[in-house]
Amino acid sequence: MNNEDYQRDGFICLWRTMKNWEWFTDVNTAHLFVYCLISANHKDKKYKGTVIKRGSFVTSYSKISAETGLSVQNIRTSLKKLKSTQEITYKTSTKGTVIIVQNYSKYQNYNKRSNNQ
């Protein structure tokens, strides 16, 4: 990727305190959560007539598998872990699975900088 690709695609914040997060050493779950942060809409978008809110995205297990290299079973297991600790919620419908990153704005509030940069 070149600089234009990076600028076009934007960025996410990843806070250093993530090292203290309970799933940080669970490679599949941590990888899936970062994937969710990267995939989530940074603003509301319409998808097939439905508004998909900021912090959410529409996907499928097969798409996540193709993009992360995780098996569908690993994805299901990691989604359940993330849901159990309220990092995400998800709903499956005929249009796909909508994954919602709980507290997305808290994770992605890059306008307020800490003094410990």
PDB file of N, CA and C in Angstrom:
ATOM      1  N   MET A   1       0.846  -1.187   0.000  1.00  0.00           N
ATOM      2  CA  MET A   1       0.000   0.000   0.000  1.00  0.00           C
ATOM      3  C   MET A   1       0.887   1.245   0.000  1.00  0.00           C
ATOM      4  N   ASN A   2       0.422   2.272  -0.684  1.00  0.00           N
ATOM      5  CA  ASN A   2       1.158   3.529  -0.683  1.00  0.00           C
ATOM      6  C   ASN A   2       0.438   4.554   0.204  1.00  0.00           C
ATOM      7  N   ASN A   3       1.010   5.734   0.342  1.00  0.00           N
ATOM      8  CA  ASN A   3       0.440   6.762   1.219  1.00  0.00           C
ATOM      9  C   ASN A   3      -0.979   7.148   0.831  1.00  0.00           C
ATOM     10  N   GLU A   4      -1.276   7.183  -0.467  1.00  0.00           N
ATOM     11  CA  GLU A   4      -2.618   7.532  -0.918  1.00  0.00           C
ATOM     12  C   GLU A   4      -3.638   6.505  -0.423  1.00  0.00           C
ATOM     13  N   ASP A   5      -3.264   5.217  -0.439  1.00  0.00           N
ATOM     14  CA  ASP A   5      -4.154   4.170   0.059  1.00  0.00           C
ATOM     15  C   ASP A   5      -4.444   4.385   1.542  1.00  0.00           C
ATOM     16  N   TYR A   6      -3.404   4.684   2.320  1.00  0.00           N
ATOM     17  CA  TYR A   6      -3.584   4.903   3.748  1.00  0.00           C
ATOM     18  C   TYR A   6      -4.493   6.099   4.003  1.00  0.00           C
ATOM     19  N   GLN A   7      -4.285   7.177   3.282  1.00  0.00           N
ATOM     20  CA  GLN A   7      -5.084   8.374   3.491  1.00  0.00           C
ATOM     21  C   GLN A   7      -6.531   8.156   3.068  1.00  0.00           C
ATOM     22  N   ARG A   8      -6.742   7.434   1.993  1.00  0.00           N
ATOM     23  CA  ARG A   8      -8.094   7.173   1.514  1.00  0.00           C
ATOM     24  C   ARG A   8      -8.873   6.292   2.487  1.00  0.00           C
ATOM     25  N   ASP A   9      -8.196   5.278   3.022  1.00  0.00           N
ATOM     26  CA  ASP A   9      -8.877   4.304   3.864  1.00  0.00           C
ATOM     27  C   ASP A   9      -9.016   4.738   5.313  1.00  0.00           C
ATOM     28  N   GLY A  10      -8.308   5.783   5.732  1.00  0.00           N
ATOM     29  CA  GLY A  10      -8.438   6.283   7.093  1.00  0.00           C
ATOM     30  C   GLY A  10      -7.652   5.465   8.096  1.00  0.00           C
ATOM     31  N   PHE A  11      -7.988   5.638   9.362  1.00  0.00           N
ATOM     32  CA  PHE A  11      -7.257   4.978  10.436  1.00  0.00           C
ATOM     33  C   PHE A  11      -8.188   4.710  11.608  1.00  0.00           C
ATOM     34  N   ILE A  12      -7.723   3.889  12.536  1.00  0.00           N
ATOM     35  CA  ILE A  12      -8.415   3.685  13.798  1.00  0.00           C
ATOM     36  C   ILE A  12      -7.414   3.950  14.915  1.00  0.00           C
ATOM     37  N   CYS A  13      -7.929   4.211  16.089  1.00  0.00           N
ATOM     38  CA  CYS A  13      -7.077   4.341  17.275  1.00  0.00           C
ATOM     39  C   CYS A  13      -6.985   2.985  17.949  1.00  0.00           C
ATOM     40  N   LEU A  14      -5.801   2.658  18.405  1.00  0.00           N
ATOM     41  CA  LEU A  14      -5.601   1.464  19.220  1.00  0.00           C
ATOM     42  C   LEU A  14      -4.848   1.919  20.466  1.00  0.00           C
ATOM     43  N   TRP A  15      -5.509   1.877  21.587  1.00  0.00           N
ATOM     44  CA  TRP A  15      -4.946   2.396  22.822  1.00  0.00           C
ATOM     45  C   TRP A  15      -3.969   1.403  23.441  1.00  0.00           C
ATOM     46  N   ARG A  16      -2.893   1.918  24.017  1.00  0.00           N
ATOM     47  CA  ARG A  16      -1.872   1.065  24.634  1.00  0.00           C
ATOM     48  C   ARG A  16      -2.425   0.232  25.783  1.00  0.00           C
ATOM     49  N   THR A  17      -3.447   0.721  26.447  1.00  0.00           N
ATOM     50  CA  THR A  17      -4.038  -0.037  27.555  1.00  0.00           C
ATOM     51  C   THR A  17      -4.658  -1.347  27.083  1.00  0.00           C
ATOM     52  N   MET A  18      -4.764  -1.524  25.789  1.00  0.00           N
ATOM     53  CA  MET A  18      -5.293  -2.780  25.253  1.00  0.00           C
ATOM     54  C   MET A  18      -4.437  -3.962  25.713  1.00  0.00           C
ATOM     55  N   LYS A  19      -3.165  -3.714  26.024  1.00  0.00           N
ATOM     56  CA  LYS A  19      -2.301  -4.790  26.518  1.00  0.00           C
ATOM     57  C   LYS A  19      -2.819  -5.377  27.828  1.00  0.00           C
ATOM     58  N   ASN A  20      -3.611  -4.626  28.560  1.00  0.00           N
ATOM     59  CA  ASN A  20      -4.164  -5.082  29.843  1.00  0.00           C
ATOM     60  C   ASN A  20      -5.544  -5.716  29.688  1.00  0.00           C
ATOM     61  N   TRP A  21      -6.064  -5.742  28.499  1.00  0.00           N
ATOM     62  CA  TRP A  21      -7.393  -6.268  28.205  1.00  0.00           C
ATOM     63  C   TRP A  21      -7.402  -7.785  28.372  1.00  0.00           C
ATOM     64  N   GLU A  22      -8.474  -8.327  28.903  1.00  0.00           N
ATOM     65  CA  GLU A  22      -8.530  -9.759  29.214  1.00  0.00           C
ATOM     66  C   GLU A  22      -8.379 -10.672  27.999  1.00  0.00           C
ATOM     67  N   TRP A  23      -8.703 -10.211  26.805  1.00  0.00           N
ATOM     68  CA  TRP A  23      -8.592 -11.052  25.608  1.00  0.00           C
ATOM     69  C   TRP A  23      -7.296 -10.797  24.842  1.00  0.00           C
ATOM     70  N   PHE A  24      -6.437  -9.936  25.321  1.00  0.00           N
ATOM     71  CA  PHE A  24      -5.236  -9.569  24.573  1.00  0.00           C
ATOM     72  C   PHE A  24      -4.358 -10.780  24.237  1.00  0.00           C
ATOM     73  N   THR A  25      -4.232 -11.732  25.143  1.00  0.00           N
ATOM     74  CA  THR A  25      -3.382 -12.907  24.888  1.00  0.00           C
ATOM     75  C   THR A  25      -4.114 -14.023  24.139  1.00  0.00           C
ATOM     76  N   ASP A  26      -5.395 -13.868  23.918  1.00  0.00           N
ATOM     77  CA  ASP A  26      -6.169 -14.801  23.101  1.00  0.00           C
ATOM     78  C   ASP A  26      -6.053 -14.308  21.655  1.00  0.00           C
ATOM     79  N   VAL A  27      -5.128 -14.873  20.922  1.00  0.00           N
ATOM     80  CA  VAL A  27      -4.767 -14.358  19.599  1.00  0.00           C
ATOM     81  C   VAL A  27      -5.969 -14.244  18.672  1.00  0.00           C
ATOM     82  N   ASN A  28      -6.792 -15.272  18.590  1.00  0.00           N
ATOM     83  CA  ASN A  28      -7.941 -15.241  17.675  1.00  0.00           C
ATOM     84  C   ASN A  28      -8.929 -14.147  18.063  1.00  0.00           C
ATOM     85  N   THR A  29      -9.220 -14.030  19.355  1.00  0.00           N
ATOM     86  CA  THR A  29     -10.211 -13.065  19.817  1.00  0.00           C
ATOM     87  C   THR A  29      -9.686 -11.636  19.664  1.00  0.00           C
ATOM     88  N   ALA A  30      -8.427 -11.412  19.999  1.00  0.00           N
ATOM     89  CA  ALA A  30      -7.837 -10.076  19.836  1.00  0.00           C
ATOM     90  C   ALA A  30      -7.809  -9.692  18.350  1.00  0.00           C
ATOM     91  N   HIS A  31      -7.415 -10.636  17.511  1.00  0.00           N
ATOM     92  CA  HIS A  31      -7.370 -10.387  16.067  1.00  0.00           C
ATOM     93  C   HIS A  31      -8.762 -10.048  15.542  1.00  0.00           C
ATOM     94  N   LEU A  32      -9.758 -10.791  15.971  1.00  0.00           N
ATOM     95  CA  LEU A  32     -11.124 -10.546  15.518  1.00  0.00           C
ATOM     96  C   LEU A  32     -11.625  -9.186  16.000  1.00  0.00           C
ATOM     97  N   PHE A  33     -11.285  -8.802  17.222  1.00  0.00           N
ATOM     98  CA  PHE A  33     -11.734  -7.507  17.726  1.00  0.00           C
ATOM     99  C   PHE A  33     -11.094  -6.356  16.933  1.00  0.00           C
ATOM    100  N   VAL A  34      -9.821  -6.461  16.635  1.00  0.00           N
ATOM    101  CA  VAL A  34      -9.171  -5.425  15.821  1.00  0.00           C
ATOM    102  C   VAL A  34      -9.821  -5.399  14.430  1.00  0.00           C
ATOM    103  N   TYR A  35     -10.125  -6.557  13.886  1.00  0.00           N
ATOM    104  CA  TYR A  35     -10.834  -6.634  12.607  1.00  0.00           C
ATOM    105  C   TYR A  35     -12.173  -5.890  12.697  1.00  0.00           C
ATOM    106  N   CYS A  36     -12.887  -6.076  13.796  1.00  0.00           N
ATOM    107  CA  CYS A  36     -14.170  -5.394  13.980  1.00  0.00           C
ATOM    108  C   CYS A  36     -13.981  -3.881  14.026  1.00  0.00           C
ATOM    109  N   LEU A  37     -12.964  -3.413  14.740  1.00  0.00           N
ATOM    110  CA  LEU A  37     -12.689  -1.975  14.798  1.00  0.00           C
ATOM    111  C   LEU A  37     -12.369  -1.418  13.411  1.00  0.00           C
ATOM    112  N   ILE A  38     -11.568  -2.161  12.656  1.00  0.00           N
ATOM    113  CA  ILE A  38     -11.188  -1.719  11.316  1.00  0.00           C
ATOM    114  C   ILE A  38     -12.384  -1.732  10.362  1.00  0.00           C
ATOM    115  N   SER A  39     -13.281  -2.675  10.537  1.00  0.00           N
ATOM    116  CA  SER A  39     -14.409  -2.857   9.617  1.00  0.00           C
ATOM    117  C   SER A  39     -15.610  -1.981   9.946  1.00  0.00           C
ATOM    118  N   ALA A  40     -15.726  -1.551  11.177  1.00  0.00           N
ATOM    119  CA  ALA A  40     -16.905  -0.794  11.603  1.00  0.00           C
ATOM    120  C   ALA A  40     -17.013   0.535  10.855  1.00  0.00           C
ATOM    121  N   ASN A  41     -18.237   0.910  10.547  1.00  0.00           N
ATOM    122  CA  ASN A  41     -18.486   2.203   9.903  1.00  0.00           C
ATOM    123  C   ASN A  41     -18.040   3.329  10.827  1.00  0.00           C
ATOM    124  N   HIS A  42     -17.351   4.320  10.270  1.00  0.00           N
ATOM    125  CA  HIS A  42     -16.980   5.471  11.088  1.00  0.00           C
ATOM    126  C   HIS A  42     -18.081   6.531  11.089  1.00  0.00           C
ATOM    127  N   LYS A  43     -19.099   6.316  10.248  1.00  0.00           N
ATOM    128  CA  LYS A  43     -20.302   7.147  10.265  1.00  0.00           C
ATOM    129  C   LYS A  43     -21.459   6.281   9.773  1.00  0.00           C
ATOM    130  N   ASP A  44     -22.678   6.697  10.050  1.00  0.00           N
ATOM    131  CA  ASP A  44     -23.850   5.935   9.625  1.00  0.00           C
ATOM    132  C   ASP A  44     -23.833   5.762   8.103  1.00  0.00           C
ATOM    133  N   LYS A  45     -24.234   4.558   7.635  1.00  0.00           N
ATOM    134  CA  LYS A  45     -24.314   4.264   6.201  1.00  0.00           C
ATOM    135  C   LYS A  45     -25.578   3.468   5.932  1.00  0.00           C
ATOM    136  N   LYS A  46     -26.109   3.619   4.729  1.00  0.00           N
ATOM    137  CA  LYS A  46     -27.251   2.803   4.322  1.00  0.00           C
ATOM    138  C   LYS A  46     -26.749   1.542   3.640  1.00  0.00           C
ATOM    139  N   TYR A  47     -27.410   0.439   3.952  1.00  0.00           N
ATOM    140  CA  TYR A  47     -27.104  -0.841   3.327  1.00  0.00           C
ATOM    141  C   TYR A  47     -28.418  -1.541   3.033  1.00  0.00           C
ATOM    142  N   LYS A  48     -28.732  -1.703   1.749  1.00  0.00           N
ATOM    143  CA  LYS A  48     -29.969  -2.361   1.316  1.00  0.00           C
ATOM    144  C   LYS A  48     -31.192  -1.791   2.022  1.00  0.00           C
ATOM    145  N   GLY A  49     -31.260  -0.460   2.096  1.00  0.00           N
ATOM    146  CA  GLY A  49     -32.420   0.211   2.674  1.00  0.00           C
ATOM    147  C   GLY A  49     -32.420   0.336   4.188  1.00  0.00           C
ATOM    148  N   THR A  50     -31.392  -0.152   4.848  1.00  0.00           N
ATOM    149  CA  THR A  50     -31.308  -0.091   6.309  1.00  0.00           C
ATOM    150  C   THR A  50     -30.102   0.755   6.699  1.00  0.00           C
ATOM    151  N   VAL A  51     -30.274   1.602   7.699  1.00  0.00           N
ATOM    152  CA  VAL A  51     -29.152   2.401   8.187  1.00  0.00           C
ATOM    153  C   VAL A  51     -28.314   1.537   9.126  1.00  0.00           C
ATOM    154  N   ILE A  52     -27.050   1.419   8.793  1.00  0.00           N
ATOM    155  CA  ILE A  52     -26.098   0.693   9.640  1.00  0.00           C
ATOM    156  C   ILE A  52     -25.318   1.775  10.387  1.00  0.00           C
ATOM    157  N   LYS A  53     -25.470   1.787  11.683  1.00  0.00           N
ATOM    158  CA  LYS A  53     -24.950   2.867  12.522  1.00  0.00           C
ATOM    159  C   LYS A  53     -23.428   2.875  12.607  1.00  0.00           C
ATOM    160  N   ARG A  54     -22.915   4.021  12.995  1.00  0.00           N
ATOM    161  CA  ARG A  54     -21.494   4.186  13.293  1.00  0.00           C
ATOM    162  C   ARG A  54     -21.110   3.121  14.333  1.00  0.00           C
ATOM    163  N   GLY A  55     -19.980   2.479  14.116  1.00  0.00           N
ATOM    164  CA  GLY A  55     -19.544   1.431  15.039  1.00  0.00           C
ATOM    165  C   GLY A  55     -20.087   0.056  14.706  1.00  0.00           C
ATOM    166  N   SER A  56     -20.835  -0.052  13.610  1.00  0.00           N
ATOM    167  CA  SER A  56     -21.434  -1.325  13.188  1.00  0.00           C
ATOM    168  C   SER A  56     -21.031  -1.626  11.754  1.00  0.00           C
ATOM    169  N   PHE A  57     -21.183  -2.881  11.368  1.00  0.00           N
ATOM    170  CA  PHE A  57     -20.948  -3.249   9.978  1.00  0.00           C
ATOM    171  C   PHE A  57     -21.683  -4.537   9.662  1.00  0.00           C
ATOM    172  N   VAL A  58     -21.977  -4.728   8.377  1.00  0.00           N
ATOM    173  CA  VAL A  58     -22.657  -5.931   7.891  1.00  0.00           C
ATOM    174  C   VAL A  58     -21.606  -6.848   7.292  1.00  0.00           C
ATOM    175  N   THR A  59     -21.689  -8.120   7.649  1.00  0.00           N
ATOM    176  CA  THR A  59     -20.701  -9.074   7.169  1.00  0.00           C
ATOM    177  C   THR A  59     -21.298 -10.474   7.182  1.00  0.00           C
ATOM    178  N   SER A  60     -20.466 -11.462   6.993  1.00  0.00           N
ATOM    179  CA  SER A  60     -20.850 -12.870   7.122  1.00  0.00           C
ATOM    180  C   SER A  60     -19.656 -13.611   7.695  1.00  0.00           C
ATOM    181  N   TYR A  61     -19.901 -14.770   8.247  1.00  0.00           N
ATOM    182  CA  TYR A  61     -18.802 -15.568   8.784  1.00  0.00           C
ATOM    183  C   TYR A  61     -17.803 -15.926   7.692  1.00  0.00           C
ATOM    184  N   SER A  62     -18.302 -16.244   6.489  1.00  0.00           N
ATOM    185  CA  SER A  62     -17.396 -16.613   5.407  1.00  0.00           C
ATOM    186  C   SER A  62     -16.539 -15.421   4.979  1.00  0.00           C
ATOM    187  N   LYS A  63     -17.103 -14.222   4.986  1.00  0.00           N
ATOM    188  CA  LYS A  63     -16.321 -13.037   4.629  1.00  0.00           C
ATOM    189  C   LYS A  63     -15.251 -12.763   5.692  1.00  0.00           C
ATOM    190  N   ILE A  64     -15.632 -12.851   6.965  1.00  0.00           N
ATOM    191  CA  ILE A  64     -14.649 -12.641   8.036  1.00  0.00           C
ATOM    192  C   ILE A  64     -13.539 -13.671   7.918  1.00  0.00           C
ATOM    193  N   SER A  65     -13.909 -14.914   7.651  1.00  0.00           N
ATOM    194  CA  SER A  65     -12.921 -15.977   7.512  1.00  0.00           C
ATOM    195  C   SER A  65     -11.945 -15.672   6.379  1.00  0.00           C
ATOM    196  N   ALA A  66     -12.478 -15.247   5.242  1.00  0.00           N
ATOM    197  CA  ALA A  66     -11.624 -14.937   4.093  1.00  0.00           C
ATOM    198  C   ALA A  66     -10.691 -13.767   4.385  1.00  0.00           C
ATOM    199  N   GLU A  67     -11.164 -12.791   5.142  1.00  0.00           N
ATOM    200  CA  GLU A  67     -10.368 -11.579   5.391  1.00  0.00           C
ATOM    201  C   GLU A  67      -9.426 -11.697   6.588  1.00  0.00           C
ATOM    202  N   THR A  68      -9.684 -12.650   7.490  1.00  0.00           N
ATOM    203  CA  THR A  68      -8.835 -12.778   8.684  1.00  0.00           C
ATOM    204  C   THR A  68      -7.984 -14.038   8.707  1.00  0.00           C
ATOM    205  N   GLY A  69      -8.374 -15.042   7.929  1.00  0.00           N
ATOM    206  CA  GLY A  69      -7.683 -16.326   7.978  1.00  0.00           C
ATOM    207  C   GLY A  69      -8.150 -17.209   9.123  1.00  0.00           C
ATOM    208  N   LEU A  70      -9.154 -16.758   9.882  1.00  0.00           N
ATOM    209  CA  LEU A  70      -9.709 -17.568  10.973  1.00  0.00           C
ATOM    210  C   LEU A  70     -10.758 -18.522  10.421  1.00  0.00           C
ATOM    211  N   SER A  71     -10.899 -19.670  11.049  1.00  0.00           N
ATOM    212  CA  SER A  71     -11.944 -20.603  10.641  1.00  0.00           C
ATOM    213  C   SER A  71     -13.297 -20.083  11.140  1.00  0.00           C
ATOM    214  N   VAL A  72     -14.363 -20.548  10.522  1.00  0.00           N
ATOM    215  CA  VAL A  72     -15.705 -20.140  10.950  1.00  0.00           C
ATOM    216  C   VAL A  72     -15.917 -20.511  12.416  1.00  0.00           C
ATOM    217  N   GLN A  73     -15.442 -21.680  12.842  1.00  0.00           N
ATOM    218  CA  GLN A  73     -15.591 -22.080  14.248  1.00  0.00           C
ATOM    219  C   GLN A  73     -14.818 -21.133  15.165  1.00  0.00           C
ATOM    220  N   ASN A  74     -13.596 -20.748  14.787  1.00  0.00           N
ATOM    221  CA  ASN A  74     -12.838 -19.777  15.595  1.00  0.00           C
ATOM    222  C   ASN A  74     -13.556 -18.438  15.680  1.00  0.00           C
ATOM    223  N   ILE A  75     -14.171 -18.031  14.584  1.00  0.00           N
ATOM    224  CA  ILE A  75     -14.926 -16.772  14.556  1.00  0.00           C
ATOM    225  C   ILE A  75     -16.106 -16.856  15.509  1.00  0.00           C
ATOM    226  N   ARG A  76     -16.879 -17.939  15.428  1.00  0.00           N
ATOM    227  CA  ARG A  76     -18.032 -18.109  16.322  1.00  0.00           C
ATOM    228  C   ARG A  76     -17.596 -18.080  17.790  1.00  0.00           C
ATOM    229  N   THR A  77     -16.533 -18.798  18.104  1.00  0.00           N
ATOM    230  CA  THR A  77     -16.028 -18.850  19.485  1.00  0.00           C
ATOM    231  C   THR A  77     -15.596 -17.464  19.951  1.00  0.00           C
ATOM    232  N   SER A  78     -14.830 -16.757  19.120  1.00  0.00           N
ATOM    233  CA  SER A  78     -14.341 -15.438  19.506  1.00  0.00           C
ATOM    234  C   SER A  78     -15.473 -14.419  19.603  1.00  0.00           C
ATOM    235  N   LEU A  79     -16.449 -14.491  18.704  1.00  0.00           N
ATOM    236  CA  LEU A  79     -17.604 -13.588  18.802  1.00  0.00           C
ATOM    237  C   LEU A  79     -18.349 -13.806  20.117  1.00  0.00           C
ATOM    238  N   LYS A  80     -18.508 -15.066  20.518  1.00  0.00           N
ATOM    239  CA  LYS A  80     -19.180 -15.365  21.787  1.00  0.00           C
ATOM    240  C   LYS A  80     -18.397 -14.789  22.960  1.00  0.00           C
ATOM    241  N   LYS A  81     -17.074 -14.893  22.925  1.00  0.00           N
ATOM    242  CA  LYS A  81     -16.243 -14.326  23.996  1.00  0.00           C
ATOM    243  C   LYS A  81     -16.404 -12.807  24.052  1.00  0.00           C
ATOM    244  N   LEU A  82     -16.322 -12.161  22.896  1.00  0.00           N
ATOM    245  CA  LEU A  82     -16.447 -10.704  22.848  1.00  0.00           C
ATOM    246  C   LEU A  82     -17.838 -10.248  23.280  1.00  0.00           C
ATOM    247  N   LYS A  83     -18.851 -11.038  22.949  1.00  0.00           N
ATOM    248  CA  LYS A  83     -20.208 -10.708  23.372  1.00  0.00           C
ATOM    249  C   LYS A  83     -20.361 -10.907  24.886  1.00  0.00           C
ATOM    250  N   SER A  84     -19.726 -11.943  25.425  1.00  0.00           N
ATOM    251  CA  SER A  84     -19.865 -12.235  26.861  1.00  0.00           C
ATOM    252  C   SER A  84     -19.285 -11.126  27.734  1.00  0.00           C
ATOM    253  N   THR A  85     -18.300 -10.402  27.203  1.00  0.00           N
ATOM    254  CA  THR A  85     -17.699  -9.301  27.966  1.00  0.00           C
ATOM    255  C   THR A  85     -18.147  -7.933  27.444  1.00  0.00           C
ATOM    256  N   GLN A  86     -19.167  -7.948  26.618  1.00  0.00           N
ATOM    257  CA  GLN A  86     -19.836  -6.750  26.116  1.00  0.00           C
ATOM    258  C   GLN A  86     -18.950  -5.844  25.265  1.00  0.00           C
ATOM    259  N   GLU A  87     -17.956  -6.423  24.593  1.00  0.00           N
ATOM    260  CA  GLU A  87     -17.189  -5.646  23.611  1.00  0.00           C
ATOM    261  C   GLU A  87     -18.009  -5.450  22.343  1.00  0.00           C
ATOM    262  N   ILE A  88     -18.805  -6.455  21.995  1.00  0.00           N
ATOM    263  CA  ILE A  88     -19.633  -6.401  20.790  1.00  0.00           C
ATOM    264  C   ILE A  88     -21.006  -6.993  21.071  1.00  0.00           C
ATOM    265  N   THR A  89     -21.913  -6.723  20.177  1.00  0.00           N
ATOM    266  CA  THR A  89     -23.158  -7.484  20.048  1.00  0.00           C
ATOM    267  C   THR A  89     -23.277  -7.807  18.562  1.00  0.00           C
ATOM    268  N   TYR A  90     -24.111  -8.751  18.238  1.00  0.00           N
ATOM    269  CA  TYR A  90     -24.314  -9.060  16.824  1.00  0.00           C
ATOM    270  C   TYR A  90     -25.705  -9.631  16.628  1.00  0.00           C
ATOM    271  N   LYS A  91     -26.222  -9.389  15.418  1.00  0.00           N
ATOM    272  CA  LYS A  91     -27.534  -9.871  15.022  1.00  0.00           C
ATOM    273  C   LYS A  91     -27.409 -10.466  13.630  1.00  0.00           C
ATOM    274  N   THR A  92     -27.998 -11.607  13.429  1.00  0.00           N
ATOM    275  CA  THR A  92     -27.991 -12.235  12.115  1.00  0.00           C
ATOM    276  C   THR A  92     -29.373 -12.094  11.494  1.00  0.00           C
ATOM    277  N   SER A  93     -29.406 -11.713  10.217  1.00  0.00           N
ATOM    278  CA  SER A  93     -30.667 -11.588   9.488  1.00  0.00           C
ATOM    279  C   SER A  93     -30.453 -12.097   8.076  1.00  0.00           C
ATOM    280  N   THR A  94     -31.454 -11.968   7.255  1.00  0.00           N
ATOM    281  CA  THR A  94     -31.340 -12.406   5.868  1.00  0.00           C
ATOM    282  C   THR A  94     -30.377 -11.524   5.085  1.00  0.00           C
ATOM    283  N   LYS A  95     -30.098 -10.310   5.564  1.00  0.00           N
ATOM    284  CA  LYS A  95     -29.178  -9.392   4.887  1.00  0.00           C
ATOM    285  C   LYS A  95     -27.733  -9.614   5.310  1.00  0.00           C
ATOM    286  N   GLY A  96     -27.501 -10.470   6.303  1.00  0.00           N
ATOM    287  CA  GLY A  96     -26.155 -10.731   6.793  1.00  0.00           C
ATOM    288  C   GLY A  96     -26.100 -10.580   8.300  1.00  0.00           C
ATOM    289  N   THR A  97     -24.914 -10.638   8.835  1.00  0.00           N
ATOM    290  CA  THR A  97     -24.701 -10.456  10.271  1.00  0.00           C
ATOM    291  C   THR A  97     -24.252  -9.025  10.504  1.00  0.00           C
ATOM    292  N   VAL A  98     -24.956  -8.327  11.395  1.00  0.00           N
ATOM    293  CA  VAL A  98     -24.568  -6.977  11.780  1.00  0.00           C
ATOM    294  C   VAL A  98     -23.811  -7.095  13.095  1.00  0.00           C
ATOM    295  N   ILE A  99     -22.555  -6.670  13.074  1.00  0.00           N
ATOM    296  CA  ILE A  99     -21.733  -6.660  14.281  1.00  0.00           C
ATOM    297  C   ILE A  99     -21.662  -5.225  14.772  1.00  0.00           C
ATOM    298  N   ILE A 100     -21.923  -5.038  16.050  1.00  0.00           N
ATOM    299  CA  ILE A 100     -21.928  -3.718  16.672  1.00  0.00           C
ATOM    300  C   ILE A 100     -20.819  -3.684  17.711  1.00  0.00           C
ATOM    301  N   VAL A 101     -19.863  -2.789  17.534  1.00  0.00           N
ATOM    302  CA  VAL A 101     -18.800  -2.608  18.517  1.00  0.00           C
ATOM    303  C   VAL A 101     -19.368  -1.702  19.604  1.00  0.00           C
ATOM    304  N   GLN A 102     -19.561  -2.270  20.794  1.00  0.00           N
ATOM    305  CA  GLN A 102     -20.069  -1.480  21.914  1.00  0.00           C
ATOM    306  C   GLN A 102     -19.017  -0.442  22.288  1.00  0.00           C
ATOM    307  N   ASN A 103     -19.438   0.727  22.665  1.00  0.00           N
ATOM    308  CA  ASN A 103     -18.523   1.802  23.067  1.00  0.00           C
ATOM    309  C   ASN A 103     -17.555   2.193  21.954  1.00  0.00           C
ATOM    310  N   TYR A 104     -17.974   2.067  20.706  1.00  0.00           N
ATOM    311  CA  TYR A 104     -17.112   2.399  19.577  1.00  0.00           C
ATOM    312  C   TYR A 104     -16.554   3.819  19.704  1.00  0.00           C
ATOM    313  N   SER A 105     -17.399   4.757  20.097  1.00  0.00           N
ATOM    314  CA  SER A 105     -16.944   6.139  20.217  1.00  0.00           C
ATOM    315  C   SER A 105     -15.888   6.291  21.299  1.00  0.00           C
ATOM    316  N   LYS A 106     -15.977   5.486  22.340  1.00  0.00           N
ATOM    317  CA  LYS A 106     -14.960   5.524  23.389  1.00  0.00           C
ATOM    318  C   LYS A 106     -13.617   5.042  22.837  1.00  0.00           C
ATOM    319  N   TYR A 107     -13.641   3.970  22.064  1.00  0.00           N
ATOM    320  CA  TYR A 107     -12.411   3.440  21.474  1.00  0.00           C
ATOM    321  C   TYR A 107     -11.846   4.378  20.411  1.00  0.00           C
ATOM    322  N   GLN A 108     -12.728   5.035  19.680  1.00  0.00           N
ATOM    323  CA  GLN A 108     -12.308   5.816  18.525  1.00  0.00           C
ATOM    324  C   GLN A 108     -12.457   7.323  18.733  1.00  0.00           C
ATOM    325  N   ASN A 109     -12.325   7.769  19.945  1.00  0.00           N
ATOM    326  CA  ASN A 109     -12.391   9.196  20.253  1.00  0.00           C
ATOM    327  C   ASN A 109     -10.994   9.783  20.150  1.00  0.00           C
ATOM    328  N   TYR A 110     -10.536  10.007  18.930  1.00  0.00           N
ATOM    329  CA  TYR A 110      -9.178  10.476  18.713  1.00  0.00           C
ATOM    330  C   TYR A 110      -9.069  11.994  18.734  1.00  0.00           C
ATOM    331  N   ASN A 111     -10.182  12.700  18.946  1.00  0.00           N
ATOM    332  CA  ASN A 111     -10.121  14.158  19.055  1.00  0.00           C
ATOM    333  C   ASN A 111      -9.585  14.591  20.417  1.00  0.00           C
ATOM    334  N   LYS A 112      -9.780  13.772  21.428  1.00  0.00           N
ATOM    335  CA  LYS A 112      -9.294  14.082  22.769  1.00  0.00           C
ATOM    336  C   LYS A 112      -8.000  13.317  22.994  1.00  0.00           C
ATOM    337  N   ARG A 113      -6.910  13.987  23.019  1.00  0.00           N
ATOM    338  CA  ARG A 113      -5.596  13.359  23.185  1.00  0.00           C
ATOM    339  C   ARG A 113      -5.247  13.295  24.668  1.00  0.00           C
ATOM    340  N   SER A 114      -4.607  12.241  25.064  1.00  0.00           N
ATOM    341  CA  SER A 114      -4.157  12.123  26.447  1.00  0.00           C
ATOM    342  C   SER A 114      -2.848  12.884  26.606  1.00  0.00           C
ATOM    343  N   ASN A 115      -2.494  13.198  27.830  1.00  0.00           N
ATOM    344  CA  ASN A 115      -1.237  13.876  28.116  1.00  0.00           C
ATOM    345  C   ASN A 115      -0.065  12.926  28.019  1.00  0.00           C
ATOM    346  N   ASN A 116      -0.327  11.626  27.930  1.00  0.00           N
ATOM    347  CA  ASN A 116       0.742  10.621  27.916  1.00  0.00           C
ATOM    348  C   ASN A 116       1.113  10.166  26.511  1.00  0.00           C
ATOM    349  N   GLN A 117       0.965  11.016  25.515  1.00  0.00           N
ATOM    350  CA  GLN A 117       1.233  10.617  24.128  1.00  0.00           C
ATOM    351  C   GLN A 117       2.593  10.137  23.988  1.00  0.00           C
TER     352      GLN A 117
END
